[in-house]
Amino acid sequence: MKTLLFTSILLLALTFSSQNTFAQADNQATFEAYLEAVYKAYQSDDNNIMWSYYTDNATEIGPDGSIASGKKDLRAGWEAFMQMVDKKPTFDYKLTSWRLIKPDVAIITWNSNADIVMDGQQIGGPTICSAVLVKVKGKWMIEMDTMTPVMQMLDGK
């Protein structure tokens, strides 16, 4: 009897585990396509497309540590930033992790490398990014994102 119960529990666990593995693989493709769409929107000439990926109450922690909350503040920060740069920034990116917290809430992380020039000087570079996504009317949207610059650590030599 104990063997039958143990075997049943093991089979149930393996079934759930394999279904979860397939779901995670499906999510990888979903979130890779999502990041591609978001970055295409950033690099488009239509900021309305870019902002369509953010919830109205989205929050962002910028690479300088600044915090903006709400689409109005996010827009104002982006517009101020765009006035300071010499040219429109470009980005490379690669999804590094994704996790569904609930069917309509996910956390994703990605590496990004930005080409940002200000006063003739390159200020862009590698960053580690993360976002909390929520599904609104079937569409993933950014509720919170953050960008952390990757800084070269000195080894003391």
Protein backbone atom coordinates (compact mmCIF):
# COMPACT_ATOMS: atom_id res chain seq x y z
CA MET A 1 0.00 0.00 0.00
CA LYS A 2 2.83 2.41 0.91
CA THR A 3 4.59 1.56 -2.36
CA LEU A 4 1.44 2.28 -4.36
CA LEU A 5 0.94 5.63 -2.59
CA PHE A 6 4.60 6.59 -3.07
CA THR A 7 4.49 5.61 -6.77
CA SER A 8 1.30 7.64 -7.30
CA ILE A 9 2.81 10.71 -5.65
CA LEU A 10 6.01 10.31 -7.67
CA LEU A 11 4.07 10.01 -10.96
CA LEU A 12 1.99 13.07 -10.07
CA ALA A 13 5.13 15.07 -9.25
CA LEU A 14 6.84 14.02 -12.48
CA THR A 15 3.75 14.93 -14.51
CA PHE A 16 3.57 18.37 -12.91
CA SER A 17 7.31 18.87 -13.32
CA SER A 18 7.28 18.00 -17.04
CA GLN A 19 4.26 20.24 -17.65
CA ASN A 20 6.03 23.07 -15.83
CA THR A 21 9.18 22.51 -17.91
CA PHE A 22 7.17 22.75 -21.15
CA ALA A 23 5.37 25.86 -19.87
CA GLN A 24 8.70 27.51 -19.02
CA ALA A 25 10.03 26.73 -22.52
CA ASP A 26 6.90 28.28 -24.04
CA ASN A 27 7.36 31.30 -21.80
CA GLN A 28 10.93 31.74 -22.99
CA ALA A 29 9.73 32.27 -26.56
CA THR A 30 6.93 34.55 -25.32
CA PHE A 31 9.26 36.78 -23.31
CA GLU A 32 11.98 36.84 -25.98
CA ALA A 33 9.38 38.07 -28.48
CA TYR A 34 8.07 40.54 -25.90
CA LEU A 35 11.54 42.06 -25.34
CA GLU A 36 12.08 42.29 -29.08
CA ALA A 37 8.81 44.22 -29.46
CA VAL A 38 9.62 46.55 -26.55
CA TYR A 39 13.10 47.36 -27.85
CA LYS A 40 11.77 47.91 -31.37
CA ALA A 41 9.31 50.36 -29.82
CA TYR A 42 12.17 52.17 -28.00
CA GLN A 43 14.05 52.53 -31.26
CA SER A 44 11.02 53.58 -33.29
CA ASP A 45 10.18 57.20 -33.90
CA ASP A 46 6.79 56.83 -32.22
CA ASN A 47 7.00 57.17 -28.43
CA ASN A 48 3.32 56.27 -28.12
CA ILE A 49 4.22 52.75 -29.22
CA MET A 50 6.94 52.61 -26.56
CA TRP A 51 4.63 53.80 -23.79
CA SER A 52 1.93 51.31 -24.81
CA TYR A 53 4.03 48.62 -23.09
CA TYR A 54 3.78 50.35 -19.68
CA THR A 55 0.88 50.36 -17.24
CA ASP A 56 -0.44 53.76 -16.22
CA ASN A 57 1.10 53.33 -12.75
CA ALA A 58 4.42 51.81 -13.86
CA THR A 59 7.55 52.53 -11.83
CA GLU A 60 11.11 52.61 -13.05
CA ILE A 61 14.41 52.73 -11.22
CA GLY A 62 16.90 54.23 -13.65
CA PRO A 63 20.60 53.39 -13.91
CA ASP A 64 21.36 56.59 -11.99
CA GLY A 65 19.15 55.48 -9.08
CA SER A 66 16.31 57.85 -9.92
CA ILE A 67 12.76 56.61 -9.38
CA ALA A 68 9.87 57.58 -11.63
CA SER A 69 6.30 56.48 -10.92
CA GLY A 70 3.43 56.74 -13.33
CA LYS A 71 3.50 57.10 -17.08
CA LYS A 72 3.55 60.91 -16.85
CA ASP A 73 6.79 60.88 -14.82
CA LEU A 74 8.30 58.16 -17.01
CA ARG A 75 7.59 60.21 -20.13
CA ALA A 76 9.02 63.39 -18.57
CA GLY A 77 12.21 61.55 -17.58
CA TRP A 78 12.60 60.02 -21.05
CA GLU A 79 12.04 63.36 -22.77
CA ALA A 80 14.59 65.09 -20.51
CA PHE A 81 17.07 62.29 -21.16
CA MET A 82 16.55 62.55 -24.94
CA GLN A 83 17.35 66.30 -24.76
CA MET A 84 20.75 65.48 -23.21
CA VAL A 85 21.98 62.80 -25.62
CA ASP A 86 23.74 63.48 -28.91
CA LYS A 87 21.75 60.88 -30.82
CA LYS A 88 18.98 58.40 -30.20
CA PRO A 89 20.34 55.51 -28.10
CA THR A 90 20.47 52.00 -29.49
CA PHE A 91 20.32 48.81 -27.45
CA ASP A 92 21.32 45.16 -27.71
CA TYR A 93 19.55 42.80 -25.32
CA LYS A 94 19.25 39.14 -24.35
CA LEU A 95 16.68 37.55 -22.09
CA THR A 96 18.43 35.80 -19.17
CA SER A 97 15.57 34.56 -16.98
CA TRP A 98 11.81 34.50 -16.69
CA ARG A 99 9.42 33.25 -14.07
CA LEU A 100 5.67 33.23 -13.83
CA ILE A 101 4.63 34.26 -10.34
CA LYS A 102 0.97 33.82 -11.27
CA PRO A 103 -0.55 33.31 -14.73
CA ASP A 104 -0.85 37.10 -15.07
CA VAL A 105 2.34 38.21 -13.24
CA ALA A 106 5.91 37.50 -14.37
CA ILE A 107 9.43 38.58 -13.54
CA ILE A 108 11.97 38.72 -16.34
CA THR A 109 15.64 39.65 -16.43
CA TRP A 110 17.87 40.47 -19.36
CA ASN A 111 21.28 41.80 -20.26
CA SER A 112 21.41 44.99 -22.24
CA ASN A 113 24.19 46.94 -23.86
CA ALA A 114 23.40 50.55 -24.69
CA ASP A 115 25.06 52.88 -27.16
CA ILE A 116 24.38 56.23 -25.49
CA VAL A 117 26.48 59.28 -26.36
CA MET A 118 26.31 62.54 -24.41
CA ASP A 119 28.55 65.52 -25.21
CA GLY A 120 30.62 63.27 -27.47
CA GLN A 121 31.28 60.77 -24.67
CA GLN A 122 30.00 57.19 -24.49
CA ILE A 123 27.97 56.88 -21.29
CA GLY A 124 26.14 53.72 -22.25
CA GLY A 125 27.35 50.21 -21.72
CA PRO A 126 26.29 46.93 -20.21
CA THR A 127 23.39 46.78 -17.76
CA ILE A 128 21.44 44.05 -16.04
CA CYS A 129 17.73 44.76 -16.29
CA SER A 130 14.63 43.33 -14.67
CA ALA A 131 10.92 43.90 -14.95
CA VAL A 132 7.72 42.89 -13.28
CA LEU A 133 5.15 42.26 -15.99
CA VAL A 134 1.40 42.06 -15.54
CA LYS A 135 -1.06 40.77 -18.07
CA VAL A 136 -3.76 43.34 -18.83
CA LYS A 137 -6.53 42.27 -21.21
CA GLY A 138 -4.31 39.48 -22.52
CA LYS A 139 -1.27 41.72 -23.12
CA TRP A 140 1.93 41.72 -21.06
CA MET A 141 2.72 45.18 -19.72
CA ILE A 142 5.56 46.61 -17.65
CA GLU A 143 4.52 47.41 -14.09
CA MET A 144 8.05 48.01 -12.82
CA ASP A 145 11.49 47.91 -14.36
CA THR A 146 15.02 48.64 -13.29
CA MET A 147 18.41 48.94 -14.97
CA THR A 148 21.63 48.31 -13.06
CA PRO A 149 24.89 49.30 -14.76
CA VAL A 150 27.57 46.61 -14.80
CA MET A 151 30.64 48.22 -13.28
CA GLN A 152 34.16 46.89 -13.61
CA MET A 153 35.43 46.11 -10.14
CA LEU A 154 39.06 46.93 -9.37
CA ASP A 155 41.13 44.00 -8.19
CA GLY A 156 43.41 46.13 -5.99
CA LYS A 157 46.40 46.10 -8.35
